[in-house]
mmCIF file of all heavy atoms, coordinates in Angstrom:
data_MODEL
# 
_entry.id   MODEL 
# 
loop_
_atom_site.group_PDB 
_atom_site.id 
_atom_site.type_symbol 
_atom_site.label_atom_id 
_atom_site.label_alt_id 
_atom_site.label_comp_id 
_atom_site.label_asym_id 
_atom_site.label_entity_id 
_atom_site.label_seq_id 
_atom_site.pdbx_PDB_ins_code 
_atom_site.Cartn_x 
_atom_site.Cartn_y 
_atom_site.Cartn_z 
_atom_site.occupancy 
_atom_site.B_iso_or_equiv 
_atom_site.pdbx_formal_charge 
_atom_site.auth_seq_id 
_atom_site.auth_comp_id 
_atom_site.auth_asym_id 
_atom_site.auth_atom_id 
_atom_site.pdbx_PDB_model_num 
ATOM 1   N N   . VAL A 1 1  ? 46.559 90.904  -146.985 1.00 0.00 ? 1  VAL A N   1 
ATOM 2   C CA  . VAL A 1 1  ? 45.335 90.531  -146.280 1.00 0.00 ? 1  VAL A CA  1 
ATOM 3   C C   . VAL A 1 1  ? 45.730 90.142  -144.862 1.00 0.00 ? 1  VAL A C   1 
ATOM 4   O O   . VAL A 1 1  ? 46.569 89.264  -144.664 1.00 0.00 ? 1  VAL A O   1 
ATOM 5   C CB  . VAL A 1 1  ? 44.617 89.361  -146.991 1.00 0.00 ? 1  VAL A CB  1 
ATOM 6   C CG1 . VAL A 1 1  ? 43.373 88.942  -146.211 1.00 0.00 ? 1  VAL A CG1 1 
ATOM 7   C CG2 . VAL A 1 1  ? 44.237 89.756  -148.413 1.00 0.00 ? 1  VAL A CG2 1 
ATOM 8   N N   . PHE A 1 2  ? 45.137 90.824  -143.881 1.00 0.00 ? 2  PHE A N   1 
ATOM 9   C CA  . PHE A 1 2  ? 45.499 90.645  -142.472 1.00 0.00 ? 2  PHE A CA  1 
ATOM 10  C C   . PHE A 1 2  ? 44.499 89.715  -141.782 1.00 0.00 ? 2  PHE A C   1 
ATOM 11  O O   . PHE A 1 2  ? 43.443 89.401  -142.321 1.00 0.00 ? 2  PHE A O   1 
ATOM 12  C CB  . PHE A 1 2  ? 45.476 91.994  -141.746 1.00 0.00 ? 2  PHE A CB  1 
ATOM 13  C CG  . PHE A 1 2  ? 46.377 93.036  -142.342 1.00 0.00 ? 2  PHE A CG  1 
ATOM 14  C CD1 . PHE A 1 2  ? 45.929 93.860  -143.370 1.00 0.00 ? 2  PHE A CD1 1 
ATOM 15  C CD2 . PHE A 1 2  ? 47.672 93.214  -141.865 1.00 0.00 ? 2  PHE A CD2 1 
ATOM 16  C CE1 . PHE A 1 2  ? 46.760 94.846  -143.914 1.00 0.00 ? 2  PHE A CE1 1 
ATOM 17  C CE2 . PHE A 1 2  ? 48.505 94.186  -142.407 1.00 0.00 ? 2  PHE A CE2 1 
ATOM 18  C CZ  . PHE A 1 2  ? 48.044 95.002  -143.432 1.00 0.00 ? 2  PHE A CZ  1 
ATOM 19  N N   . GLN A 1 3  ? 44.804 89.350  -140.531 1.00 0.00 ? 3  GLN A N   1 
ATOM 20  C CA  . GLN A 1 3  ? 43.827 88.532  -139.802 1.00 0.00 ? 3  GLN A CA  1 
ATOM 21  C C   . GLN A 1 3  ? 42.613 89.362  -139.415 1.00 0.00 ? 3  GLN A C   1 
ATOM 22  O O   . GLN A 1 3  ? 41.492 88.839  -139.389 1.00 0.00 ? 3  GLN A O   1 
ATOM 23  C CB  . GLN A 1 3  ? 44.475 87.859  -138.591 1.00 0.00 ? 3  GLN A CB  1 
ATOM 24  C CG  . GLN A 1 3  ? 45.078 88.764  -137.558 1.00 0.00 ? 3  GLN A CG  1 
ATOM 25  C CD  . GLN A 1 3  ? 45.856 87.940  -136.531 1.00 0.00 ? 3  GLN A CD  1 
ATOM 26  O OE1 . GLN A 1 3  ? 46.793 87.228  -136.856 1.00 0.00 ? 3  GLN A OE1 1 
ATOM 27  N NE2 . GLN A 1 3  ? 45.470 88.026  -135.284 1.00 0.00 ? 3  GLN A NE2 1 
ATOM 28  N N   . SER A 1 4  ? 42.803 90.644  -139.110 1.00 0.00 ? 4  SER A N   1 
ATOM 29  C CA  . SER A 1 4  ? 41.646 91.523  -138.925 1.00 0.00 ? 4  SER A CA  1 
ATOM 30  C C   . SER A 1 4  ? 41.391 92.178  -140.276 1.00 0.00 ? 4  SER A C   1 
ATOM 31  O O   . SER A 1 4  ? 42.315 92.558  -140.971 1.00 0.00 ? 4  SER A O   1 
ATOM 32  C CB  . SER A 1 4  ? 41.937 92.577  -137.863 1.00 0.00 ? 4  SER A CB  1 
ATOM 33  O OG  . SER A 1 4  ? 43.112 93.283  -138.191 1.00 0.00 ? 4  SER A OG  1 
ATOM 34  N N   . PHE A 1 5  ? 40.138 92.316  -140.645 1.00 0.00 ? 5  PHE A N   1 
ATOM 35  C CA  . PHE A 1 5  ? 39.797 92.554  -142.052 1.00 0.00 ? 5  PHE A CA  1 
ATOM 36  C C   . PHE A 1 5  ? 40.148 93.961  -142.527 1.00 0.00 ? 5  PHE A C   1 
ATOM 37  O O   . PHE A 1 5  ? 40.362 94.199  -143.695 1.00 0.00 ? 5  PHE A O   1 
ATOM 38  C CB  . PHE A 1 5  ? 38.310 92.249  -142.275 1.00 0.00 ? 5  PHE A CB  1 
ATOM 39  C CG  . PHE A 1 5  ? 37.837 91.079  -141.457 1.00 0.00 ? 5  PHE A CG  1 
ATOM 40  C CD1 . PHE A 1 5  ? 36.834 91.220  -140.515 1.00 0.00 ? 5  PHE A CD1 1 
ATOM 41  C CD2 . PHE A 1 5  ? 38.448 89.839  -141.599 1.00 0.00 ? 5  PHE A CD2 1 
ATOM 42  C CE1 . PHE A 1 5  ? 36.428 90.141  -139.734 1.00 0.00 ? 5  PHE A CE1 1 
ATOM 43  C CE2 . PHE A 1 5  ? 38.052 88.753  -140.823 1.00 0.00 ? 5  PHE A CE2 1 
ATOM 44  C CZ  . PHE A 1 5  ? 37.037 88.906  -139.885 1.00 0.00 ? 5  PHE A CZ  1 
ATOM 45  N N   . ASN A 1 6  ? 40.207 94.920  -141.571 1.00 0.00 ? 6  ASN A N   1 
ATOM 46  C CA  . ASN A 1 6  ? 40.653 96.281  -141.900 1.00 0.00 ? 6  ASN A CA  1 
ATOM 47  C C   . ASN A 1 6  ? 39.828 96.939  -143.012 1.00 0.00 ? 6  ASN A C   1 
ATOM 48  O O   . ASN A 1 6  ? 40.358 97.717  -143.792 1.00 0.00 ? 6  ASN A O   1 
ATOM 49  C CB  . ASN A 1 6  ? 42.133 96.290  -142.326 1.00 0.00 ? 6  ASN A CB  1 
ATOM 50  C CG  . ASN A 1 6  ? 43.074 96.012  -141.162 1.00 0.00 ? 6  ASN A CG  1 
ATOM 51  O OD1 . ASN A 1 6  ? 42.620 95.728  -140.065 1.00 0.00 ? 6  ASN A OD1 1 
ATOM 52  N ND2 . ASN A 1 6  ? 44.357 96.090  -141.390 1.00 0.00 ? 6  ASN A ND2 1 
ATOM 53  N N   . LEU A 1 7  ? 38.541 96.607  -143.090 1.00 0.00 ? 7  LEU A N   1 
ATOM 54  C CA  . LEU A 1 7  ? 37.682 97.287  -144.066 1.00 0.00 ? 7  LEU A CA  1 
ATOM 55  C C   . LEU A 1 7  ? 37.270 98.643  -143.499 1.00 0.00 ? 7  LEU A C   1 
ATOM 56  O O   . LEU A 1 7  ? 37.235 98.833  -142.290 1.00 0.00 ? 7  LEU A O   1 
ATOM 57  C CB  . LEU A 1 7  ? 36.438 96.440  -144.354 1.00 0.00 ? 7  LEU A CB  1 
ATOM 58  C CG  . LEU A 1 7  ? 36.693 95.068  -144.979 1.00 0.00 ? 7  LEU A CG  1 
ATOM 59  C CD1 . LEU A 1 7  ? 35.396 94.279  -145.067 1.00 0.00 ? 7  LEU A CD1 1 
ATOM 60  C CD2 . LEU A 1 7  ? 37.336 95.194  -146.355 1.00 0.00 ? 7  LEU A CD2 1 
ATOM 61  N N   . PHE A 1 8  ? 36.956 99.574  -144.405 1.00 0.00 ? 8  PHE A N   1 
ATOM 62  C CA  . PHE A 1 8  ? 36.466 100.886 -143.954 1.00 0.00 ? 8  PHE A CA  1 
ATOM 63  C C   . PHE A 1 8  ? 35.008 100.735 -143.535 1.00 0.00 ? 8  PHE A C   1 
ATOM 64  O O   . PHE A 1 8  ? 34.134 100.470 -144.362 1.00 0.00 ? 8  PHE A O   1 
ATOM 65  C CB  . PHE A 1 8  ? 36.604 101.914 -145.073 1.00 0.00 ? 8  PHE A CB  1 
ATOM 66  C CG  . PHE A 1 8  ? 38.027 102.222 -145.424 1.00 0.00 ? 8  PHE A CG  1 
ATOM 67  C CD1 . PHE A 1 8  ? 38.566 101.803 -146.636 1.00 0.00 ? 8  PHE A CD1 1 
ATOM 68  C CD2 . PHE A 1 8  ? 38.849 102.906 -144.536 1.00 0.00 ? 8  PHE A CD2 1 
ATOM 69  C CE1 . PHE A 1 8  ? 39.886 102.066 -146.959 1.00 0.00 ? 8  PHE A CE1 1 
ATOM 70  C CE2 . PHE A 1 8  ? 40.173 103.178 -144.858 1.00 0.00 ? 8  PHE A CE2 1 
ATOM 71  C CZ  . PHE A 1 8  ? 40.693 102.755 -146.069 1.00 0.00 ? 8  PHE A CZ  1 
ATOM 72  N N   . ALA A 1 9  ? 34.756 100.924 -142.232 1.00 0.00 ? 9  ALA A N   1 
ATOM 73  C CA  . ALA A 1 9  ? 33.436 100.628 -141.662 1.00 0.00 ? 9  ALA A CA  1 
ATOM 74  C C   . ALA A 1 9  ? 32.336 101.540 -142.213 1.00 0.00 ? 9  ALA A C   1 
ATOM 75  O O   . ALA A 1 9  ? 31.174 101.142 -142.278 1.00 0.00 ? 9  ALA A O   1 
ATOM 76  C CB  . ALA A 1 9  ? 33.494 100.755 -140.136 1.00 0.00 ? 9  ALA A CB  1 
ATOM 77  N N   . HIS A 1 10 ? 32.711 102.758 -142.630 1.00 0.00 ? 10 HIS A N   1 
ATOM 78  C CA  . HIS A 1 10 ? 31.710 103.739 -143.058 1.00 0.00 ? 10 HIS A CA  1 
ATOM 79  C C   . HIS A 1 10 ? 31.463 103.688 -144.565 1.00 0.00 ? 10 HIS A C   1 
ATOM 80  O O   . HIS A 1 10 ? 30.743 104.521 -145.107 1.00 0.00 ? 10 HIS A O   1 
ATOM 81  C CB  . HIS A 1 10 ? 32.156 105.145 -142.648 1.00 0.00 ? 10 HIS A CB  1 
ATOM 82  C CG  . HIS A 1 10 ? 33.474 105.549 -143.254 1.00 0.00 ? 10 HIS A CG  1 
ATOM 83  N ND1 . HIS A 1 10 ? 34.659 104.987 -142.853 1.00 0.00 ? 10 HIS A ND1 1 
ATOM 84  C CD2 . HIS A 1 10 ? 33.790 106.431 -144.233 1.00 0.00 ? 10 HIS A CD2 1 
ATOM 85  C CE1 . HIS A 1 10 ? 35.644 105.512 -143.559 1.00 0.00 ? 10 HIS A CE1 1 
ATOM 86  N NE2 . HIS A 1 10 ? 35.145 106.392 -144.412 1.00 0.00 ? 10 HIS A NE2 1 
ATOM 87  N N   . LYS A 1 11 ? 32.082 102.717 -145.242 1.00 0.00 ? 11 LYS A N   1 
ATOM 88  C CA  . LYS A 1 11 ? 31.861 102.591 -146.693 1.00 0.00 ? 11 LYS A CA  1 
ATOM 89  C C   . LYS A 1 11 ? 31.236 101.231 -146.985 1.00 0.00 ? 11 LYS A C   1 
ATOM 90  O O   . LYS A 1 11 ? 31.496 100.251 -146.282 1.00 0.00 ? 11 LYS A O   1 
ATOM 91  C CB  . LYS A 1 11 ? 33.191 102.729 -147.447 1.00 0.00 ? 11 LYS A CB  1 
ATOM 92  C CG  . LYS A 1 11 ? 33.782 104.137 -147.359 1.00 0.00 ? 11 LYS A CG  1 
ATOM 93  C CD  . LYS A 1 11 ? 34.976 104.297 -148.268 1.00 0.00 ? 11 LYS A CD  1 
ATOM 94  C CE  . LYS A 1 11 ? 35.543 105.706 -148.186 1.00 0.00 ? 11 LYS A CE  1 
ATOM 95  N NZ  . LYS A 1 11 ? 34.592 106.736 -148.652 1.00 0.00 ? 11 LYS A NZ  1 
ATOM 96  N N   . THR A 1 12 ? 30.453 101.181 -148.057 1.00 0.00 ? 12 THR A N   1 
ATOM 97  C CA  . THR A 1 12 ? 29.842 99.906  -148.435 1.00 0.00 ? 12 THR A CA  1 
ATOM 98  C C   . THR A 1 12 ? 30.923 98.935  -148.922 1.00 0.00 ? 12 THR A C   1 
ATOM 99  O O   . THR A 1 12 ? 32.064 99.326  -149.187 1.00 0.00 ? 12 THR A O   1 
ATOM 100 C CB  . THR A 1 12 ? 28.814 100.081 -149.563 1.00 0.00 ? 12 THR A CB  1 
ATOM 101 O OG1 . THR A 1 12 ? 29.515 100.487 -150.756 1.00 0.00 ? 12 THR A OG1 1 
ATOM 102 C CG2 . THR A 1 12 ? 27.734 101.079 -149.208 1.00 0.00 ? 12 THR A CG2 1 
ATOM 103 N N   . VAL A 1 13 ? 30.531 97.679  -149.056 1.00 0.00 ? 13 VAL A N   1 
ATOM 104 C CA  . VAL A 1 13 ? 31.429 96.656  -149.592 1.00 0.00 ? 13 VAL A CA  1 
ATOM 105 C C   . VAL A 1 13 ? 31.967 97.086  -150.961 1.00 0.00 ? 13 VAL A C   1 
ATOM 106 O O   . VAL A 1 13 ? 33.172 97.036  -151.219 1.00 0.00 ? 13 VAL A O   1 
ATOM 107 C CB  . VAL A 1 13 ? 30.674 95.309  -149.687 1.00 0.00 ? 13 VAL A CB  1 
ATOM 108 C CG1 . VAL A 1 13 ? 31.406 94.318  -150.580 1.00 0.00 ? 13 VAL A CG1 1 
ATOM 109 C CG2 . VAL A 1 13 ? 30.468 94.731  -148.286 1.00 0.00 ? 13 VAL A CG2 1 
ATOM 110 N N   . LEU A 1 14 ? 31.073 97.536  -151.833 1.00 0.00 ? 14 LEU A N   1 
ATOM 111 C CA  . LEU A 1 14 ? 31.481 97.964  -153.173 1.00 0.00 ? 14 LEU A CA  1 
ATOM 112 C C   . LEU A 1 14 ? 32.469 99.132  -153.099 1.00 0.00 ? 14 LEU A C   1 
ATOM 113 O O   . LEU A 1 14 ? 33.498 99.142  -153.781 1.00 0.00 ? 14 LEU A O   1 
ATOM 114 C CB  . LEU A 1 14 ? 30.252 98.359  -154.006 1.00 0.00 ? 14 LEU A CB  1 
ATOM 115 C CG  . LEU A 1 14 ? 30.537 98.820  -155.443 1.00 0.00 ? 14 LEU A CG  1 
ATOM 116 C CD1 . LEU A 1 14 ? 31.171 97.704  -156.261 1.00 0.00 ? 14 LEU A CD1 1 
ATOM 117 C CD2 . LEU A 1 14 ? 29.237 99.297  -156.110 1.00 0.00 ? 14 LEU A CD2 1 
ATOM 118 N N   . GLN A 1 15 ? 32.167 100.123 -152.255 1.00 0.00 ? 15 GLN A N   1 
ATOM 119 C CA  . GLN A 1 15 ? 33.053 101.286 -152.118 1.00 0.00 ? 15 GLN A CA  1 
ATOM 120 C C   . GLN A 1 15 ? 34.430 100.883 -151.591 1.00 0.00 ? 15 GLN A C   1 
ATOM 121 O O   . GLN A 1 15 ? 35.457 101.433 -152.005 1.00 0.00 ? 15 GLN A O   1 
ATOM 122 C CB  . GLN A 1 15 ? 32.415 102.319 -151.189 1.00 0.00 ? 15 GLN A CB  1 
ATOM 123 C CG  . GLN A 1 15 ? 31.236 103.045 -151.812 1.00 0.00 ? 15 GLN A CG  1 
ATOM 124 C CD  . GLN A 1 15 ? 30.437 103.845 -150.782 1.00 0.00 ? 15 GLN A CD  1 
ATOM 125 O OE1 . GLN A 1 15 ? 30.466 103.554 -149.580 1.00 0.00 ? 15 GLN A OE1 1 
ATOM 126 N NE2 . GLN A 1 15 ? 29.706 104.858 -151.258 1.00 0.00 ? 15 GLN A NE2 1 
ATOM 127 N N   . ASN A 1 16 ? 34.467 99.911  -150.677 1.00 0.00 ? 16 ASN A N   1 
ATOM 128 C CA  . ASN A 1 16 ? 35.738 99.419  -150.151 1.00 0.00 ? 16 ASN A CA  1 
ATOM 129 C C   . ASN A 1 16 ? 36.626 98.873  -151.266 1.00 0.00 ? 16 ASN A C   1 
ATOM 130 O O   . ASN A 1 16 ? 37.831 99.107  -151.280 1.00 0.00 ? 16 ASN A O   1 
ATOM 131 C CB  . ASN A 1 16 ? 35.494 98.324  -149.100 1.00 0.00 ? 16 ASN A CB  1 
ATOM 132 C CG  . ASN A 1 16 ? 35.502 98.838  -147.676 1.00 0.00 ? 16 ASN A CG  1 
ATOM 133 O OD1 . ASN A 1 16 ? 36.553 99.032  -147.078 1.00 0.00 ? 16 ASN A OD1 1 
ATOM 134 N ND2 . ASN A 1 16 ? 34.310 99.073  -147.139 1.00 0.00 ? 16 ASN A ND2 1 
ATOM 135 N N   . VAL A 1 17 ? 36.011 98.140  -152.197 1.00 0.00 ? 17 VAL A N   1 
ATOM 136 C CA  . VAL A 1 17 ? 36.794 97.505  -153.266 1.00 0.00 ? 17 VAL A CA  1 
ATOM 137 C C   . VAL A 1 17 ? 37.131 98.501  -154.374 1.00 0.00 ? 17 VAL A C   1 
ATOM 138 O O   . VAL A 1 17 ? 38.105 98.336  -155.100 1.00 0.00 ? 17 VAL A O   1 
ATOM 139 C CB  . VAL A 1 17 ? 36.054 96.264  -153.814 1.00 0.00 ? 17 VAL A CB  1 
ATOM 140 C CG1 . VAL A 1 17 ? 36.870 95.545  -154.881 1.00 0.00 ? 17 VAL A CG1 1 
ATOM 141 C CG2 . VAL A 1 17 ? 35.747 95.280  -152.670 1.00 0.00 ? 17 VAL A CG2 1 
ATOM 142 N N   . MET A 1 18 ? 36.357 99.580  -154.481 1.00 0.00 ? 18 MET A N   1 
ATOM 143 C CA  . MET A 1 18 ? 36.625 100.604 -155.502 1.00 0.00 ? 18 MET A CA  1 
ATOM 144 C C   . MET A 1 18 ? 37.691 101.616 -155.069 1.00 0.00 ? 18 MET A C   1 
ATOM 145 O O   . MET A 1 18 ? 38.400 102.171 -155.910 1.00 0.00 ? 18 MET A O   1 
ATOM 146 C CB  . MET A 1 18 ? 35.333 101.372 -155.828 1.00 0.00 ? 18 MET A CB  1 
ATOM 147 C CG  . MET A 1 18 ? 34.326 100.580 -156.643 1.00 0.00 ? 18 MET A CG  1 
ATOM 148 S SD  . MET A 1 18 ? 32.752 101.476 -156.825 1.00 0.00 ? 18 MET A SD  1 
ATOM 149 C CE  . MET A 1 18 ? 33.264 102.929 -157.770 1.00 0.00 ? 18 MET A CE  1 
ATOM 150 N N   . LEU A 1 19 ? 37.813 101.852 -153.782 1.00 0.00 ? 19 LEU A N   1 
ATOM 151 C CA  . LEU A 1 19 ? 38.553 103.019 -153.281 1.00 0.00 ? 19 LEU A CA  1 
ATOM 152 C C   . LEU A 1 19 ? 40.002 103.083 -153.764 1.00 0.00 ? 19 LEU A C   1 
ATOM 153 O O   . LEU A 1 19 ? 40.442 104.097 -154.307 1.00 0.00 ? 19 LEU A O   1 
ATOM 154 C CB  . LEU A 1 19 ? 38.513 103.039 -151.743 1.00 0.00 ? 19 LEU A CB  1 
ATOM 155 C CG  . LEU A 1 19 ? 39.043 104.319 -151.106 1.00 0.00 ? 19 LEU A CG  1 
ATOM 156 C CD1 . LEU A 1 19 ? 38.170 105.515 -151.476 1.00 0.00 ? 19 LEU A CD1 1 
ATOM 157 C CD2 . LEU A 1 19 ? 39.116 104.174 -149.593 1.00 0.00 ? 19 LEU A CD2 1 
ATOM 158 N N   . GLY A 1 20 ? 40.751 101.991 -153.580 1.00 0.00 ? 20 GLY A N   1 
ATOM 159 C CA  . GLY A 1 20 ? 42.164 101.996 -154.001 1.00 0.00 ? 20 GLY A CA  1 
ATOM 160 C C   . GLY A 1 20 ? 42.308 102.158 -155.502 1.00 0.00 ? 20 GLY A C   1 
ATOM 161 O O   . GLY A 1 20 ? 43.253 102.806 -155.989 1.00 0.00 ? 20 GLY A O   1 
ATOM 162 N N   . GLN A 1 21 ? 41.357 101.581 -156.238 1.00 0.00 ? 21 GLN A N   1 
ATOM 163 C CA  . GLN A 1 21 ? 41.405 101.712 -157.700 1.00 0.00 ? 21 GLN A CA  1 
ATOM 164 C C   . GLN A 1 21 ? 41.271 103.174 -158.110 1.00 0.00 ? 21 GLN A C   1 
ATOM 165 O O   . GLN A 1 21 ? 41.949 103.640 -159.029 1.00 0.00 ? 21 GLN A O   1 
ATOM 166 C CB  . GLN A 1 21 ? 40.263 100.923 -158.338 1.00 0.00 ? 21 GLN A CB  1 
ATOM 167 C CG  . GLN A 1 21 ? 40.265 99.434  -158.071 1.00 0.00 ? 21 GLN A CG  1 
ATOM 168 C CD  . GLN A 1 21 ? 39.135 98.777  -158.833 1.00 0.00 ? 21 GLN A CD  1 
ATOM 169 O OE1 . GLN A 1 21 ? 39.153 98.710  -160.055 1.00 0.00 ? 21 GLN A OE1 1 
ATOM 170 N NE2 . GLN A 1 21 ? 38.133 98.315  -158.117 1.00 0.00 ? 21 GLN A NE2 1 
ATOM 171 N N   . LEU A 1 22 ? 40.378 103.904 -157.427 1.00 0.00 ? 22 LEU A N   1 
ATOM 172 C CA  . LEU A 1 22 ? 40.145 105.311 -157.764 1.00 0.00 ? 22 LEU A CA  1 
ATOM 173 C C   . LEU A 1 22 ? 41.322 106.184 -157.323 1.00 0.00 ? 22 LEU A C   1 
ATOM 174 O O   . LEU A 1 22 ? 41.811 107.014 -158.081 1.00 0.00 ? 22 LEU A O   1 
ATOM 175 C CB  . LEU A 1 22 ? 38.857 105.803 -157.090 1.00 0.00 ? 22 LEU A CB  1 
ATOM 176 C CG  . LEU A 1 22 ? 37.553 105.135 -157.539 1.00 0.00 ? 22 LEU A CG  1 
ATOM 177 C CD1 . LEU A 1 22 ? 36.397 105.551 -156.629 1.00 0.00 ? 22 LEU A CD1 1 
ATOM 178 C CD2 . LEU A 1 22 ? 37.229 105.490 -158.992 1.00 0.00 ? 22 LEU A CD2 1 
ATOM 179 N N   . LYS A 1 23 ? 41.782 105.959 -156.073 1.00 0.00 ? 23 LYS A N   1 
ATOM 180 C CA  . LYS A 1 23 ? 42.775 106.860 -155.479 1.00 0.00 ? 23 LYS A CA  1 
ATOM 181 C C   . LYS A 1 23 ? 44.195 106.568 -155.969 1.00 0.00 ? 23 LYS A C   1 
ATOM 182 O O   . LYS A 1 23 ? 44.973 107.480 -156.218 1.00 0.00 ? 23 LYS A O   1 
ATOM 183 C CB  . LYS A 1 23 ? 42.741 106.732 -153.953 1.00 0.00 ? 23 LYS A CB  1 
ATOM 184 C CG  . LYS A 1 23 ? 41.431 107.187 -153.327 1.00 0.00 ? 23 LYS A CG  1 
ATOM 185 C CD  . LYS A 1 23 ? 41.501 108.648 -152.955 1.00 0.00 ? 23 LYS A CD  1 
ATOM 186 C CE  . LYS A 1 23 ? 40.360 109.036 -152.020 1.00 0.00 ? 23 LYS A CE  1 
ATOM 187 N NZ  . LYS A 1 23 ? 39.471 110.032 -152.592 1.00 0.00 ? 23 LYS A NZ  1 
ATOM 188 N N   . VAL A 1 24 ? 44.543 105.281 -156.073 1.00 0.00 ? 24 VAL A N   1 
ATOM 189 C CA  . VAL A 1 24 ? 45.931 104.914 -156.375 1.00 0.00 ? 24 VAL A CA  1 
ATOM 190 C C   . VAL A 1 24 ? 46.108 104.574 -157.849 1.00 0.00 ? 24 VAL A C   1 
ATOM 191 O O   . VAL A 1 24 ? 47.028 105.052 -158.505 1.00 0.00 ? 24 VAL A O   1 
ATOM 192 C CB  . VAL A 1 24 ? 46.397 103.737 -155.486 1.00 0.00 ? 24 VAL A CB  1 
ATOM 193 C CG1 . VAL A 1 24 ? 47.850 103.382 -155.793 1.00 0.00 ? 24 VAL A CG1 1 
ATOM 194 C CG2 . VAL A 1 24 ? 46.235 104.087 -154.010 1.00 0.00 ? 24 VAL A CG2 1 
# 
């Protein structure tokens, strides 16, 4: 976890938290 949040701006909050689970 960085000081800048580094979230994917074009994805929803839910999609941000799902993405690594799906891909990795």
